[in-house]
N, C-alpha and C. Protein backbone atom coordinates (compact mmCIF):
# COMPACT_ATOMS: atom_id res chain seq x y z
N MET A 1 -23.97 -1.26 -0.99
CA MET A 1 -22.54 -0.98 -1.12
C MET A 1 -21.82 -2.26 -1.53
N GLU A 2 -20.90 -2.10 -2.40
CA GLU A 2 -20.10 -3.21 -2.91
C GLU A 2 -19.30 -3.87 -1.79
N GLN A 3 -19.25 -5.18 -1.81
CA GLN A 3 -18.50 -5.95 -0.81
C GLN A 3 -17.03 -5.97 -1.20
N LEU A 4 -16.18 -5.42 -0.33
CA LEU A 4 -14.74 -5.36 -0.56
C LEU A 4 -14.02 -6.07 0.57
N SER A 5 -12.91 -6.70 0.25
CA SER A 5 -12.13 -7.34 1.30
C SER A 5 -10.64 -7.30 0.95
N LEU A 6 -9.83 -7.43 1.98
CA LEU A 6 -8.39 -7.55 1.79
C LEU A 6 -8.04 -9.03 1.84
N ILE A 7 -7.28 -9.46 0.86
CA ILE A 7 -6.84 -10.86 0.83
C ILE A 7 -5.32 -10.89 0.71
N ARG A 8 -4.77 -11.99 1.17
CA ARG A 8 -3.33 -12.20 0.97
C ARG A 8 -3.11 -12.57 -0.50
N PRO A 9 -1.96 -12.19 -1.05
CA PRO A 9 -1.65 -12.58 -2.43
C PRO A 9 -1.80 -14.09 -2.60
N SER A 10 -2.40 -14.48 -3.72
CA SER A 10 -2.73 -15.89 -3.94
C SER A 10 -2.68 -16.23 -5.42
N MET A 11 -2.27 -17.45 -5.70
CA MET A 11 -2.25 -17.95 -7.07
C MET A 11 -3.66 -17.93 -7.67
N ASP A 12 -4.69 -18.02 -6.83
CA ASP A 12 -6.07 -18.03 -7.30
C ASP A 12 -6.46 -16.74 -8.03
N TYR A 13 -5.70 -15.68 -7.82
CA TYR A 13 -6.03 -14.37 -8.39
C TYR A 13 -5.04 -13.96 -9.48
N GLU A 14 -4.34 -14.91 -10.05
CA GLU A 14 -3.30 -14.59 -11.01
C GLU A 14 -3.81 -13.72 -12.17
N SER A 15 -4.87 -14.14 -12.84
CA SER A 15 -5.34 -13.37 -14.00
C SER A 15 -5.83 -11.99 -13.60
N GLU A 16 -6.50 -11.90 -12.45
CA GLU A 16 -7.00 -10.60 -11.99
C GLU A 16 -5.86 -9.68 -11.58
N TYR A 17 -4.84 -10.24 -10.92
CA TYR A 17 -3.71 -9.41 -10.53
C TYR A 17 -2.94 -8.94 -11.77
N LEU A 18 -2.76 -9.82 -12.74
CA LEU A 18 -2.06 -9.44 -13.96
C LEU A 18 -2.81 -8.32 -14.70
N ALA A 19 -4.13 -8.37 -14.70
CA ALA A 19 -4.92 -7.30 -15.32
C ALA A 19 -4.69 -5.98 -14.57
N PHE A 20 -4.68 -6.05 -13.25
CA PHE A 20 -4.38 -4.88 -12.40
C PHE A 20 -3.00 -4.33 -12.74
N TYR A 21 -2.00 -5.20 -12.73
CA TYR A 21 -0.61 -4.82 -12.97
C TYR A 21 -0.45 -4.21 -14.37
N ASN A 22 -0.99 -4.86 -15.38
CA ASN A 22 -0.84 -4.38 -16.76
C ASN A 22 -1.54 -3.05 -16.97
N GLU A 23 -2.71 -2.87 -16.37
CA GLU A 23 -3.40 -1.58 -16.48
C GLU A 23 -2.53 -0.47 -15.93
N TRP A 24 -1.95 -0.71 -14.76
CA TRP A 24 -1.12 0.32 -14.13
C TRP A 24 0.13 0.58 -14.96
N LYS A 25 0.77 -0.50 -15.42
CA LYS A 25 1.99 -0.38 -16.23
C LYS A 25 1.71 0.43 -17.50
N GLU A 26 0.60 0.13 -18.16
CA GLU A 26 0.24 0.83 -19.39
C GLU A 26 -0.11 2.30 -19.16
N SER A 27 -0.52 2.66 -17.94
CA SER A 27 -0.86 4.05 -17.64
C SER A 27 0.38 4.94 -17.62
N GLY A 28 1.55 4.32 -17.39
CA GLY A 28 2.79 5.09 -17.31
C GLY A 28 2.98 5.80 -15.98
N GLU A 29 2.04 5.63 -15.06
CA GLU A 29 2.15 6.28 -13.75
C GLU A 29 3.11 5.52 -12.84
N VAL A 30 3.63 6.22 -11.84
CA VAL A 30 4.46 5.58 -10.83
C VAL A 30 3.61 4.56 -10.10
N MET A 31 4.16 3.37 -9.91
CA MET A 31 3.41 2.29 -9.26
C MET A 31 3.59 2.38 -7.74
N ILE A 32 2.47 2.61 -7.05
CA ILE A 32 2.47 2.76 -5.60
C ILE A 32 1.41 1.84 -5.03
N PRO A 33 1.76 1.04 -4.03
CA PRO A 33 3.03 0.97 -3.32
C PRO A 33 4.11 0.32 -4.19
N THR A 34 5.36 0.58 -3.84
CA THR A 34 6.47 0.12 -4.68
C THR A 34 6.51 -1.40 -4.83
N VAL A 35 5.89 -2.13 -3.92
CA VAL A 35 5.89 -3.60 -4.01
C VAL A 35 5.23 -4.08 -5.31
N ILE A 36 4.35 -3.27 -5.89
CA ILE A 36 3.71 -3.72 -7.13
C ILE A 36 4.64 -3.57 -8.34
N ASN A 37 5.82 -3.01 -8.13
CA ASN A 37 6.83 -2.99 -9.20
C ASN A 37 7.44 -4.37 -9.43
N LYS A 38 7.23 -5.27 -8.48
CA LYS A 38 7.79 -6.63 -8.60
C LYS A 38 7.19 -7.29 -9.84
N ASP A 39 8.07 -7.72 -10.74
CA ASP A 39 7.64 -8.32 -12.00
C ASP A 39 6.84 -9.60 -11.74
N PRO A 40 5.58 -9.66 -12.22
CA PRO A 40 4.75 -10.83 -11.98
C PRO A 40 4.84 -11.90 -13.08
N THR A 41 5.84 -11.79 -13.97
CA THR A 41 5.95 -12.76 -15.06
C THR A 41 5.99 -14.19 -14.52
N ASN A 42 6.82 -14.42 -13.49
CA ASN A 42 6.80 -15.70 -12.79
C ASN A 42 5.94 -15.46 -11.55
N PHE A 43 4.64 -15.67 -11.70
CA PHE A 43 3.68 -15.31 -10.67
C PHE A 43 3.93 -16.04 -9.36
N GLN A 44 4.27 -17.30 -9.43
CA GLN A 44 4.52 -18.08 -8.21
C GLN A 44 5.71 -17.50 -7.45
N ASN A 45 6.76 -17.10 -8.16
CA ASN A 45 7.92 -16.49 -7.49
C ASN A 45 7.56 -15.16 -6.84
N MET A 46 6.71 -14.38 -7.51
CA MET A 46 6.29 -13.11 -6.95
C MET A 46 5.49 -13.33 -5.66
N ILE A 47 4.58 -14.29 -5.69
CA ILE A 47 3.80 -14.62 -4.49
C ILE A 47 4.75 -15.05 -3.36
N GLN A 48 5.71 -15.89 -3.67
CA GLN A 48 6.66 -16.34 -2.65
C GLN A 48 7.46 -15.18 -2.09
N PHE A 49 7.87 -14.25 -2.95
CA PHE A 49 8.59 -13.05 -2.51
C PHE A 49 7.76 -12.27 -1.50
N LEU A 50 6.46 -12.09 -1.79
CA LEU A 50 5.58 -11.35 -0.89
C LEU A 50 5.39 -12.08 0.44
N LEU A 51 5.23 -13.40 0.38
CA LEU A 51 5.07 -14.18 1.62
C LEU A 51 6.36 -14.17 2.44
N ASP A 52 7.50 -14.28 1.76
CA ASP A 52 8.79 -14.21 2.46
C ASP A 52 8.97 -12.85 3.12
N SER A 53 8.58 -11.80 2.43
CA SER A 53 8.70 -10.45 2.97
C SER A 53 7.89 -10.31 4.26
N GLU A 54 6.72 -10.91 4.29
CA GLU A 54 5.89 -10.86 5.49
C GLU A 54 6.57 -11.56 6.66
N GLN A 55 7.29 -12.63 6.36
CA GLN A 55 7.98 -13.40 7.40
C GLN A 55 9.37 -12.86 7.71
N GLY A 56 9.80 -11.84 6.95
CA GLY A 56 11.14 -11.28 7.16
C GLY A 56 12.24 -12.15 6.56
N LYS A 57 11.90 -13.01 5.62
CA LYS A 57 12.88 -13.92 5.01
C LYS A 57 13.47 -13.30 3.74
N ASN A 58 14.76 -13.54 3.54
CA ASN A 58 15.46 -13.13 2.31
C ASN A 58 15.32 -11.64 2.00
N LEU A 59 15.31 -10.81 3.04
CA LEU A 59 15.16 -9.37 2.83
C LEU A 59 16.51 -8.71 2.57
N PRO A 60 16.57 -7.78 1.61
CA PRO A 60 17.79 -6.98 1.47
C PRO A 60 18.01 -6.16 2.74
N ALA A 61 19.22 -5.69 2.93
CA ALA A 61 19.59 -4.98 4.16
C ALA A 61 18.71 -3.76 4.45
N ASN A 62 18.22 -3.10 3.42
CA ASN A 62 17.45 -1.87 3.62
C ASN A 62 15.94 -2.10 3.74
N ARG A 63 15.49 -3.34 3.79
CA ARG A 63 14.06 -3.64 3.83
C ARG A 63 13.64 -4.16 5.20
N VAL A 64 12.38 -3.94 5.53
CA VAL A 64 11.81 -4.46 6.78
C VAL A 64 10.69 -5.42 6.42
N PRO A 65 10.32 -6.31 7.34
CA PRO A 65 9.18 -7.19 7.07
C PRO A 65 7.93 -6.35 6.74
N ALA A 66 7.15 -6.84 5.77
CA ALA A 66 5.96 -6.11 5.34
C ALA A 66 4.91 -7.10 4.85
N SER A 67 3.67 -6.80 5.18
CA SER A 67 2.53 -7.62 4.75
C SER A 67 1.83 -6.92 3.59
N THR A 68 1.61 -7.66 2.52
CA THR A 68 0.91 -7.13 1.35
C THR A 68 -0.46 -7.78 1.25
N PHE A 69 -1.45 -6.94 0.96
CA PHE A 69 -2.82 -7.42 0.76
C PHE A 69 -3.38 -6.79 -0.50
N TRP A 70 -4.30 -7.52 -1.13
CA TRP A 70 -4.98 -7.03 -2.32
C TRP A 70 -6.42 -6.71 -1.95
N LEU A 71 -6.88 -5.54 -2.37
CA LEU A 71 -8.28 -5.17 -2.20
C LEU A 71 -9.05 -5.73 -3.38
N VAL A 72 -10.02 -6.60 -3.08
CA VAL A 72 -10.80 -7.24 -4.14
C VAL A 72 -12.29 -7.03 -3.88
N ASN A 73 -13.05 -7.05 -4.97
CA ASN A 73 -14.50 -6.98 -4.83
C ASN A 73 -15.08 -8.39 -4.94
N GLU A 74 -16.42 -8.48 -4.89
CA GLU A 74 -17.06 -9.81 -4.91
C GLU A 74 -16.87 -10.54 -6.23
N LYS A 75 -16.48 -9.81 -7.28
CA LYS A 75 -16.21 -10.44 -8.57
C LYS A 75 -14.74 -10.86 -8.71
N LYS A 76 -14.00 -10.75 -7.60
CA LYS A 76 -12.57 -11.10 -7.53
C LYS A 76 -11.68 -10.14 -8.32
N LYS A 77 -12.20 -8.98 -8.65
CA LYS A 77 -11.39 -7.97 -9.35
C LYS A 77 -10.44 -7.33 -8.35
N VAL A 78 -9.15 -7.26 -8.69
CA VAL A 78 -8.17 -6.60 -7.83
C VAL A 78 -8.28 -5.09 -8.08
N ILE A 79 -8.72 -4.38 -7.06
CA ILE A 79 -8.97 -2.94 -7.13
C ILE A 79 -7.75 -2.15 -6.69
N GLY A 80 -7.06 -2.67 -5.67
CA GLY A 80 -5.91 -1.95 -5.11
C GLY A 80 -4.99 -2.88 -4.34
N VAL A 81 -3.88 -2.30 -3.90
CA VAL A 81 -2.88 -3.05 -3.14
C VAL A 81 -2.41 -2.19 -1.98
N VAL A 82 -2.16 -2.84 -0.85
CA VAL A 82 -1.58 -2.16 0.30
C VAL A 82 -0.39 -2.96 0.78
N ASN A 83 0.62 -2.24 1.25
CA ASN A 83 1.82 -2.85 1.81
C ASN A 83 1.99 -2.23 3.20
N ILE A 84 1.93 -3.08 4.22
CA ILE A 84 2.03 -2.62 5.61
C ILE A 84 3.38 -3.05 6.17
N ARG A 85 4.23 -2.06 6.39
CA ARG A 85 5.56 -2.34 6.95
C ARG A 85 5.44 -2.50 8.47
N HIS A 86 6.07 -3.54 8.98
CA HIS A 86 5.92 -3.89 10.39
C HIS A 86 6.71 -2.97 11.31
N GLN A 87 7.68 -2.25 10.77
CA GLN A 87 8.49 -1.32 11.55
C GLN A 87 9.03 -0.27 10.59
N LEU A 88 9.67 0.76 11.15
CA LEU A 88 10.20 1.83 10.33
C LEU A 88 11.72 1.90 10.42
N THR A 89 12.35 2.12 9.28
CA THR A 89 13.76 2.49 9.24
C THR A 89 13.78 4.02 9.31
N GLU A 90 14.94 4.61 9.39
CA GLU A 90 15.02 6.06 9.40
C GLU A 90 14.43 6.64 8.11
N SER A 91 14.74 6.01 6.99
CA SER A 91 14.21 6.47 5.70
C SER A 91 12.68 6.37 5.67
N LEU A 92 12.12 5.27 6.12
CA LEU A 92 10.67 5.10 6.15
C LEU A 92 10.02 6.11 7.10
N PHE A 93 10.72 6.43 8.19
CA PHE A 93 10.18 7.40 9.15
C PHE A 93 10.00 8.76 8.48
N HIS A 94 10.92 9.13 7.62
CA HIS A 94 10.85 10.43 6.96
C HIS A 94 9.97 10.42 5.71
N SER A 95 10.11 9.37 4.90
CA SER A 95 9.48 9.48 3.59
C SER A 95 8.76 8.24 3.09
N GLY A 96 8.48 7.29 3.96
CA GLY A 96 7.78 6.09 3.49
C GLY A 96 6.57 5.73 4.32
N GLY A 97 6.75 5.76 5.62
CA GLY A 97 5.66 5.41 6.51
C GLY A 97 5.45 3.91 6.65
N HIS A 98 4.47 3.56 7.47
CA HIS A 98 4.12 2.15 7.69
C HIS A 98 3.28 1.58 6.55
N ILE A 99 2.43 2.41 5.96
CA ILE A 99 1.44 1.90 5.01
C ILE A 99 1.57 2.63 3.67
N GLY A 100 1.75 1.84 2.63
CA GLY A 100 1.72 2.36 1.27
C GLY A 100 0.57 1.69 0.55
N TYR A 101 -0.21 2.44 -0.19
CA TYR A 101 -1.36 1.85 -0.87
C TYR A 101 -1.61 2.53 -2.21
N GLY A 102 -2.29 1.82 -3.08
CA GLY A 102 -2.64 2.38 -4.38
C GLY A 102 -3.87 1.71 -4.96
N ILE A 103 -4.60 2.48 -5.74
CA ILE A 103 -5.80 2.00 -6.43
C ILE A 103 -5.53 2.03 -7.93
N ARG A 104 -5.93 0.98 -8.63
CA ARG A 104 -5.68 0.93 -10.07
C ARG A 104 -6.31 2.15 -10.75
N PRO A 105 -5.67 2.66 -11.79
CA PRO A 105 -6.12 3.91 -12.41
C PRO A 105 -7.60 3.98 -12.78
N SER A 106 -8.18 2.92 -13.30
CA SER A 106 -9.59 2.96 -13.74
C SER A 106 -10.59 2.97 -12.59
N GLU A 107 -10.12 2.74 -11.37
CA GLU A 107 -11.04 2.63 -10.23
C GLU A 107 -10.89 3.77 -9.22
N ARG A 108 -10.17 4.81 -9.59
CA ARG A 108 -9.96 5.92 -8.67
C ARG A 108 -11.18 6.83 -8.60
N ARG A 109 -11.23 7.61 -7.54
CA ARG A 109 -12.30 8.59 -7.30
C ARG A 109 -13.66 7.91 -7.09
N LYS A 110 -13.62 6.72 -6.51
CA LYS A 110 -14.85 5.98 -6.23
C LYS A 110 -14.95 5.60 -4.75
N GLY A 111 -14.04 6.12 -3.93
CA GLY A 111 -14.06 5.82 -2.50
C GLY A 111 -13.27 4.58 -2.11
N TYR A 112 -12.64 3.92 -3.06
CA TYR A 112 -11.91 2.69 -2.76
C TYR A 112 -10.70 2.93 -1.86
N ALA A 113 -9.99 4.03 -2.05
CA ALA A 113 -8.79 4.29 -1.24
C ALA A 113 -9.15 4.44 0.23
N THR A 114 -10.25 5.14 0.50
CA THR A 114 -10.68 5.32 1.89
C THR A 114 -10.99 3.96 2.52
N LYS A 115 -11.69 3.11 1.80
CA LYS A 115 -12.02 1.77 2.31
C LYS A 115 -10.76 0.92 2.45
N LEU A 116 -9.86 1.00 1.47
CA LEU A 116 -8.61 0.24 1.53
C LEU A 116 -7.81 0.63 2.76
N LEU A 117 -7.69 1.92 3.01
CA LEU A 117 -6.93 2.35 4.18
C LEU A 117 -7.62 1.92 5.47
N SER A 118 -8.94 2.04 5.53
CA SER A 118 -9.68 1.61 6.71
C SER A 118 -9.44 0.13 7.03
N LEU A 119 -9.55 -0.71 6.00
CA LEU A 119 -9.29 -2.15 6.19
C LEU A 119 -7.83 -2.41 6.56
N SER A 120 -6.93 -1.60 6.02
CA SER A 120 -5.50 -1.75 6.29
C SER A 120 -5.19 -1.43 7.75
N LEU A 121 -5.89 -0.47 8.30
CA LEU A 121 -5.68 -0.12 9.70
C LEU A 121 -6.07 -1.28 10.61
N GLU A 122 -7.11 -2.02 10.23
CA GLU A 122 -7.49 -3.22 10.99
C GLU A 122 -6.37 -4.26 10.94
N LYS A 123 -5.76 -4.43 9.76
CA LYS A 123 -4.64 -5.38 9.62
C LYS A 123 -3.44 -4.91 10.44
N ALA A 124 -3.19 -3.60 10.46
CA ALA A 124 -2.07 -3.06 11.24
C ALA A 124 -2.27 -3.34 12.73
N LYS A 125 -3.52 -3.26 13.21
CA LYS A 125 -3.82 -3.61 14.60
C LYS A 125 -3.48 -5.07 14.86
N GLU A 126 -3.84 -5.94 13.92
CA GLU A 126 -3.54 -7.37 14.06
C GLU A 126 -2.03 -7.62 14.14
N LEU A 127 -1.24 -6.71 13.55
CA LEU A 127 0.22 -6.83 13.61
C LEU A 127 0.78 -6.21 14.89
N ALA A 128 -0.12 -5.80 15.79
CA ALA A 128 0.23 -5.22 17.09
C ALA A 128 0.87 -3.84 16.98
N LEU A 129 0.60 -3.14 15.90
CA LEU A 129 1.06 -1.75 15.80
C LEU A 129 0.08 -0.88 16.58
N GLU A 130 0.60 0.10 17.31
CA GLU A 130 -0.25 0.97 18.10
C GLU A 130 -0.58 2.27 17.38
N LYS A 131 0.33 2.68 16.52
CA LYS A 131 0.09 3.84 15.67
C LYS A 131 0.89 3.64 14.39
N VAL A 132 0.39 4.24 13.32
CA VAL A 132 1.05 4.08 12.03
C VAL A 132 1.28 5.44 11.40
N LEU A 133 2.37 5.51 10.66
CA LEU A 133 2.72 6.72 9.92
C LEU A 133 2.33 6.54 8.46
N LEU A 134 1.66 7.55 7.92
CA LEU A 134 1.33 7.57 6.49
C LEU A 134 1.93 8.83 5.89
N VAL A 135 2.40 8.69 4.67
CA VAL A 135 3.09 9.78 3.99
C VAL A 135 2.51 9.93 2.59
N CYS A 136 2.33 11.17 2.15
CA CYS A 136 1.90 11.40 0.77
C CYS A 136 2.55 12.67 0.24
N ASP A 137 2.70 12.72 -1.06
CA ASP A 137 3.20 13.90 -1.73
C ASP A 137 2.24 15.05 -1.44
N ALA A 138 2.78 16.22 -1.15
CA ALA A 138 1.94 17.38 -0.83
C ALA A 138 0.96 17.71 -1.95
N LYS A 139 1.28 17.33 -3.17
CA LYS A 139 0.40 17.60 -4.32
C LYS A 139 -0.71 16.57 -4.48
N ASN A 140 -0.64 15.48 -3.71
CA ASN A 140 -1.62 14.41 -3.84
C ASN A 140 -2.79 14.66 -2.88
N ILE A 141 -3.68 15.54 -3.31
CA ILE A 141 -4.82 15.94 -2.48
C ILE A 141 -5.73 14.75 -2.16
N GLY A 142 -5.92 13.86 -3.12
CA GLY A 142 -6.77 12.69 -2.89
C GLY A 142 -6.25 11.82 -1.77
N SER A 143 -4.95 11.56 -1.77
CA SER A 143 -4.37 10.73 -0.72
C SER A 143 -4.45 11.44 0.63
N GLU A 144 -4.20 12.73 0.62
CA GLU A 144 -4.30 13.49 1.87
C GLU A 144 -5.71 13.40 2.45
N LYS A 145 -6.72 13.55 1.61
CA LYS A 145 -8.12 13.45 2.07
C LYS A 145 -8.41 12.05 2.61
N THR A 146 -7.88 11.03 1.95
CA THR A 146 -8.08 9.65 2.39
C THR A 146 -7.49 9.45 3.79
N ILE A 147 -6.30 9.95 3.99
CA ILE A 147 -5.63 9.80 5.29
C ILE A 147 -6.41 10.55 6.37
N LEU A 148 -6.83 11.76 6.07
CA LEU A 148 -7.59 12.55 7.05
C LEU A 148 -8.92 11.89 7.39
N LYS A 149 -9.62 11.32 6.39
CA LYS A 149 -10.89 10.63 6.63
C LYS A 149 -10.71 9.42 7.56
N ASN A 150 -9.50 8.88 7.60
CA ASN A 150 -9.22 7.72 8.44
C ASN A 150 -8.53 8.11 9.75
N GLY A 151 -8.60 9.38 10.11
CA GLY A 151 -8.11 9.81 11.42
C GLY A 151 -6.68 10.31 11.44
N GLY A 152 -6.11 10.64 10.30
CA GLY A 152 -4.73 11.11 10.25
C GLY A 152 -4.53 12.41 11.01
N ILE A 153 -3.47 12.43 11.82
CA ILE A 153 -3.08 13.61 12.58
C ILE A 153 -1.79 14.15 11.97
N PRO A 154 -1.82 15.39 11.45
CA PRO A 154 -0.63 15.93 10.78
C PRO A 154 0.60 15.98 11.68
N ASP A 155 1.74 15.65 11.09
CA ASP A 155 3.04 15.75 11.74
C ASP A 155 3.87 16.69 10.86
N LYS A 156 5.10 16.87 11.20
CA LYS A 156 5.99 17.76 10.44
C LYS A 156 6.21 17.21 9.03
N ASP A 157 6.08 18.09 8.03
CA ASP A 157 6.35 17.71 6.64
C ASP A 157 7.84 17.37 6.49
N PHE A 158 8.16 16.66 5.42
CA PHE A 158 9.54 16.29 5.12
C PHE A 158 9.84 16.70 3.68
N MET A 159 11.02 17.31 3.47
CA MET A 159 11.42 17.68 2.12
C MET A 159 12.49 16.71 1.64
N LYS A 160 12.20 16.06 0.50
CA LYS A 160 13.17 15.15 -0.10
C LYS A 160 14.29 15.95 -0.75
N GLU A 161 15.37 15.27 -1.09
CA GLU A 161 16.52 15.94 -1.69
C GLU A 161 16.15 16.68 -2.97
N ASP A 162 15.17 16.18 -3.71
CA ASP A 162 14.77 16.83 -4.97
C ASP A 162 13.81 18.00 -4.76
N GLY A 163 13.52 18.32 -3.50
CA GLY A 163 12.63 19.44 -3.18
C GLY A 163 11.17 19.06 -3.02
N THR A 164 10.82 17.81 -3.28
CA THR A 164 9.44 17.35 -3.11
C THR A 164 9.06 17.41 -1.63
N ILE A 165 7.91 17.99 -1.35
CA ILE A 165 7.41 18.06 0.02
C ILE A 165 6.49 16.87 0.26
N LEU A 166 6.76 16.15 1.35
CA LEU A 166 5.92 15.03 1.75
C LEU A 166 5.16 15.41 3.03
N LYS A 167 3.87 15.18 3.01
CA LYS A 167 3.06 15.38 4.20
C LYS A 167 3.07 14.08 5.00
N ARG A 168 3.20 14.21 6.30
CA ARG A 168 3.29 13.04 7.18
C ARG A 168 2.14 13.10 8.18
N TYR A 169 1.52 11.93 8.41
CA TYR A 169 0.37 11.82 9.32
C TYR A 169 0.49 10.58 10.18
N TRP A 170 0.09 10.70 11.42
CA TRP A 170 0.00 9.55 12.33
C TRP A 170 -1.46 9.18 12.52
N ILE A 171 -1.71 7.89 12.59
CA ILE A 171 -3.04 7.40 12.95
C ILE A 171 -2.86 6.45 14.12
N HIS A 172 -3.55 6.77 15.23
CA HIS A 172 -3.52 5.90 16.41
C HIS A 172 -4.55 4.80 16.24
N LEU A 173 -4.11 3.57 16.53
CA LEU A 173 -4.98 2.41 16.32
C LEU A 173 -5.69 1.99 17.60
């Protein structure tokens, strides 16, 4: 089995992260977690933004501290990204959850999401979270399966203003 690990964002992975970012951007798909929408043109500033977010520094009023990690393989290829929010706002409670994650388009359907979430749950424990909320679009069967494989317990669904149904799951750590 391929060796995968979660790493903190680092200047050492600039070219690999840019390849990840550009692949996703070129796919035209929604970038999830939303933290990967941060423009990496000034890579050092983006890294600082992520580190500040983890420390709760310079956050807009509607944001909470969050830790971002990159899923990388032994070749240093960035496979996916996870953003672990340290607490929930009312909005996150309904439609965001504690953990947002995504796998680059070319690496999907290979089991990476399940591993990414599993490793993310270990990081959430280190943040002293006792349980985490995960949310996915009701149409995203792959994400739902990933959450269930990692112990997700269904909670009440949430309907967004546009009618989109979000499935909500708790995982006890």
